[in-house]
Amino acid sequence: MDLVLQLLRERDTLKVTRLGWLSRSVLHLVTLGADLRERGVGLHVIEKGINTSSLKAGLGRY
C-alpha cells in the first residue's frame, strides 16, 4: 500500500473496496484522507459509496 500511495499523483483517484483495506485506525484514516486531499488525490470507497473525487468535480462547477 505504501508504494501505491507514493505513486498517486494530482487528479488520481485511489479506489478501495472497503475502508479496512485502507486504514487500521480512525486516526490513520483521517491523516491519510488529509494527505490525499492536500495532494489533490481523490478517494473512492466502493462499499460505503464514498467518492471525494466526484465531490470535487461537483463543487468546481458552481
N, C-alpha and C. Protein backbone atom coordinates (compact mmCIF):
# COMPACT_ATOMS: atom_id res chain seq x y z
N MET A 1 0.83 -1.19 0.00
CA MET A 1 0.00 0.00 0.00
C MET A 1 0.87 1.25 0.00
N ASP A 2 2.00 1.21 0.67
CA ASP A 2 2.88 2.38 0.71
C ASP A 2 3.33 2.78 -0.69
N LEU A 3 3.66 1.80 -1.51
CA LEU A 3 4.10 2.09 -2.88
C LEU A 3 2.97 2.73 -3.68
N VAL A 4 1.77 2.19 -3.54
CA VAL A 4 0.62 2.75 -4.26
C VAL A 4 0.42 4.20 -3.86
N LEU A 5 0.47 4.49 -2.57
CA LEU A 5 0.28 5.86 -2.09
C LEU A 5 1.36 6.80 -2.62
N GLN A 6 2.58 6.30 -2.75
CA GLN A 6 3.67 7.12 -3.28
C GLN A 6 3.49 7.42 -4.76
N LEU A 7 2.89 6.50 -5.50
CA LEU A 7 2.74 6.67 -6.94
C LEU A 7 1.55 7.53 -7.35
N LEU A 8 0.64 7.80 -6.42
CA LEU A 8 -0.53 8.62 -6.75
C LEU A 8 -0.12 10.05 -7.06
N ARG A 9 -0.74 10.61 -8.09
CA ARG A 9 -0.46 11.99 -8.49
C ARG A 9 -1.73 12.81 -8.42
N GLU A 10 -1.58 14.11 -8.52
CA GLU A 10 -2.73 15.01 -8.53
C GLU A 10 -3.72 14.57 -9.60
N ARG A 11 -4.99 14.61 -9.28
CA ARG A 11 -6.12 14.21 -10.13
C ARG A 11 -6.33 12.71 -10.23
N ASP A 12 -5.47 11.90 -9.58
CA ASP A 12 -5.70 10.47 -9.50
C ASP A 12 -6.79 10.21 -8.47
N THR A 13 -7.38 9.02 -8.51
CA THR A 13 -8.34 8.60 -7.51
C THR A 13 -7.93 7.23 -6.99
N LEU A 14 -7.79 7.13 -5.68
CA LEU A 14 -7.49 5.86 -5.03
C LEU A 14 -8.81 5.15 -4.79
N LYS A 15 -8.97 3.96 -5.38
CA LYS A 15 -10.20 3.18 -5.21
C LYS A 15 -9.92 1.97 -4.36
N VAL A 16 -10.76 1.77 -3.33
CA VAL A 16 -10.67 0.58 -2.48
C VAL A 16 -12.08 0.03 -2.30
N THR A 17 -12.16 -1.26 -2.07
CA THR A 17 -13.48 -1.85 -1.88
C THR A 17 -14.01 -1.61 -0.47
N ARG A 18 -13.12 -1.63 0.52
CA ARG A 18 -13.54 -1.45 1.91
C ARG A 18 -12.54 -0.55 2.65
N LEU A 19 -13.05 0.19 3.63
CA LEU A 19 -12.17 1.06 4.42
C LEU A 19 -11.11 0.25 5.17
N GLY A 20 -11.43 -0.96 5.56
CA GLY A 20 -10.48 -1.80 6.27
C GLY A 20 -9.21 -2.08 5.48
N TRP A 21 -9.31 -2.05 4.16
CA TRP A 21 -8.13 -2.27 3.32
C TRP A 21 -7.23 -1.05 3.30
N LEU A 22 -7.77 0.07 3.68
CA LEU A 22 -7.04 1.33 3.57
C LEU A 22 -6.37 1.75 4.87
N SER A 23 -7.02 1.48 5.99
CA SER A 23 -6.54 2.01 7.25
C SER A 23 -6.82 1.06 8.40
N ARG A 24 -5.97 1.10 9.41
CA ARG A 24 -6.13 0.24 10.58
C ARG A 24 -6.78 0.97 11.75
N SER A 25 -6.82 2.30 11.69
CA SER A 25 -7.43 3.06 12.77
C SER A 25 -8.09 4.32 12.21
N VAL A 26 -8.97 4.89 12.99
CA VAL A 26 -9.65 6.12 12.57
C VAL A 26 -8.63 7.25 12.42
N LEU A 27 -7.70 7.34 13.35
CA LEU A 27 -6.67 8.39 13.28
C LEU A 27 -5.86 8.26 11.99
N HIS A 28 -5.46 7.06 11.64
CA HIS A 28 -4.70 6.86 10.40
C HIS A 28 -5.55 7.23 9.19
N LEU A 29 -6.83 6.88 9.21
CA LEU A 29 -7.72 7.19 8.10
C LEU A 29 -7.87 8.70 7.92
N VAL A 30 -8.03 9.42 9.02
CA VAL A 30 -8.16 10.88 8.96
C VAL A 30 -6.87 11.51 8.43
N THR A 31 -5.75 11.03 8.91
CA THR A 31 -4.45 11.55 8.46
C THR A 31 -4.24 11.26 6.99
N LEU A 32 -4.56 10.05 6.56
CA LEU A 32 -4.41 9.67 5.17
C LEU A 32 -5.34 10.49 4.28
N GLY A 33 -6.58 10.69 4.72
CA GLY A 33 -7.53 11.49 3.95
C GLY A 33 -7.05 12.92 3.77
N ALA A 34 -6.48 13.50 4.83
CA ALA A 34 -5.96 14.86 4.74
C ALA A 34 -4.77 14.93 3.79
N ASP A 35 -3.92 13.92 3.84
CA ASP A 35 -2.76 13.88 2.94
C ASP A 35 -3.21 13.77 1.48
N LEU A 36 -4.18 12.90 1.22
CA LEU A 36 -4.68 12.75 -0.15
C LEU A 36 -5.30 14.06 -0.65
N ARG A 37 -6.07 14.71 0.20
CA ARG A 37 -6.72 15.97 -0.17
C ARG A 37 -5.68 17.03 -0.50
N GLU A 38 -4.64 17.14 0.33
CA GLU A 38 -3.58 18.14 0.09
C GLU A 38 -2.86 17.88 -1.23
N ARG A 39 -2.76 16.61 -1.60
CA ARG A 39 -2.07 16.24 -2.84
C ARG A 39 -2.98 16.28 -4.05
N GLY A 40 -4.27 16.55 -3.85
CA GLY A 40 -5.21 16.61 -4.95
C GLY A 40 -5.64 15.25 -5.46
N VAL A 41 -5.57 14.25 -4.59
CA VAL A 41 -5.93 12.88 -4.95
C VAL A 41 -7.30 12.56 -4.37
N GLY A 42 -8.17 11.99 -5.20
CA GLY A 42 -9.49 11.61 -4.74
C GLY A 42 -9.48 10.25 -4.07
N LEU A 43 -10.55 9.95 -3.33
CA LEU A 43 -10.70 8.67 -2.66
C LEU A 43 -12.09 8.12 -2.96
N HIS A 44 -12.14 6.88 -3.42
CA HIS A 44 -13.41 6.21 -3.71
C HIS A 44 -13.46 4.90 -2.93
N VAL A 45 -14.37 4.83 -1.94
CA VAL A 45 -14.58 3.61 -1.17
C VAL A 45 -15.87 2.99 -1.68
N ILE A 46 -15.76 1.93 -2.44
CA ILE A 46 -16.90 1.35 -3.15
C ILE A 46 -17.99 0.89 -2.19
N GLU A 47 -17.63 0.14 -1.15
CA GLU A 47 -18.61 -0.43 -0.21
C GLU A 47 -19.47 0.63 0.46
N LYS A 48 -18.88 1.77 0.79
CA LYS A 48 -19.59 2.83 1.51
C LYS A 48 -20.16 3.91 0.60
N GLY A 49 -19.84 3.86 -0.68
CA GLY A 49 -20.32 4.88 -1.60
C GLY A 49 -19.66 6.23 -1.42
N ILE A 50 -18.48 6.24 -0.82
CA ILE A 50 -17.73 7.49 -0.61
C ILE A 50 -16.90 7.76 -1.86
N ASN A 51 -17.01 8.96 -2.40
CA ASN A 51 -16.22 9.32 -3.57
C ASN A 51 -15.89 10.80 -3.49
N THR A 52 -14.71 11.11 -2.98
CA THR A 52 -14.33 12.52 -2.83
C THR A 52 -14.00 13.17 -4.15
N SER A 53 -13.62 12.38 -5.15
CA SER A 53 -13.29 12.99 -6.44
C SER A 53 -14.55 13.51 -7.13
N SER A 54 -15.70 12.85 -6.97
CA SER A 54 -16.93 13.36 -7.57
C SER A 54 -17.41 14.60 -6.83
N LEU A 55 -17.13 14.69 -5.53
CA LEU A 55 -17.48 15.88 -4.77
C LEU A 55 -16.69 17.08 -5.26
N LYS A 56 -15.40 16.89 -5.49
CA LYS A 56 -14.57 17.98 -6.02
C LYS A 56 -15.07 18.44 -7.38
N ALA A 57 -15.42 17.48 -8.22
CA ALA A 57 -15.88 17.82 -9.57
C ALA A 57 -17.18 18.61 -9.48
N GLY A 58 -18.07 18.19 -8.58
CA GLY A 58 -19.35 18.89 -8.44
C GLY A 58 -19.18 20.30 -7.89
N LEU A 59 -18.29 20.48 -6.94
CA LEU A 59 -18.09 21.80 -6.36
C LEU A 59 -17.42 22.75 -7.35
N GLY A 60 -16.63 22.22 -8.28
CA GLY A 60 -15.95 23.05 -9.24
C GLY A 60 -16.88 23.70 -10.27
N ARG A 61 -18.07 23.16 -10.40
CA ARG A 61 -19.00 23.70 -11.40
C ARG A 61 -19.73 24.94 -10.94
N TYR A 62 -19.74 25.24 -9.66
CA TYR A 62 -20.55 26.37 -9.17
C TYR A 62 -19.74 27.60 -8.98
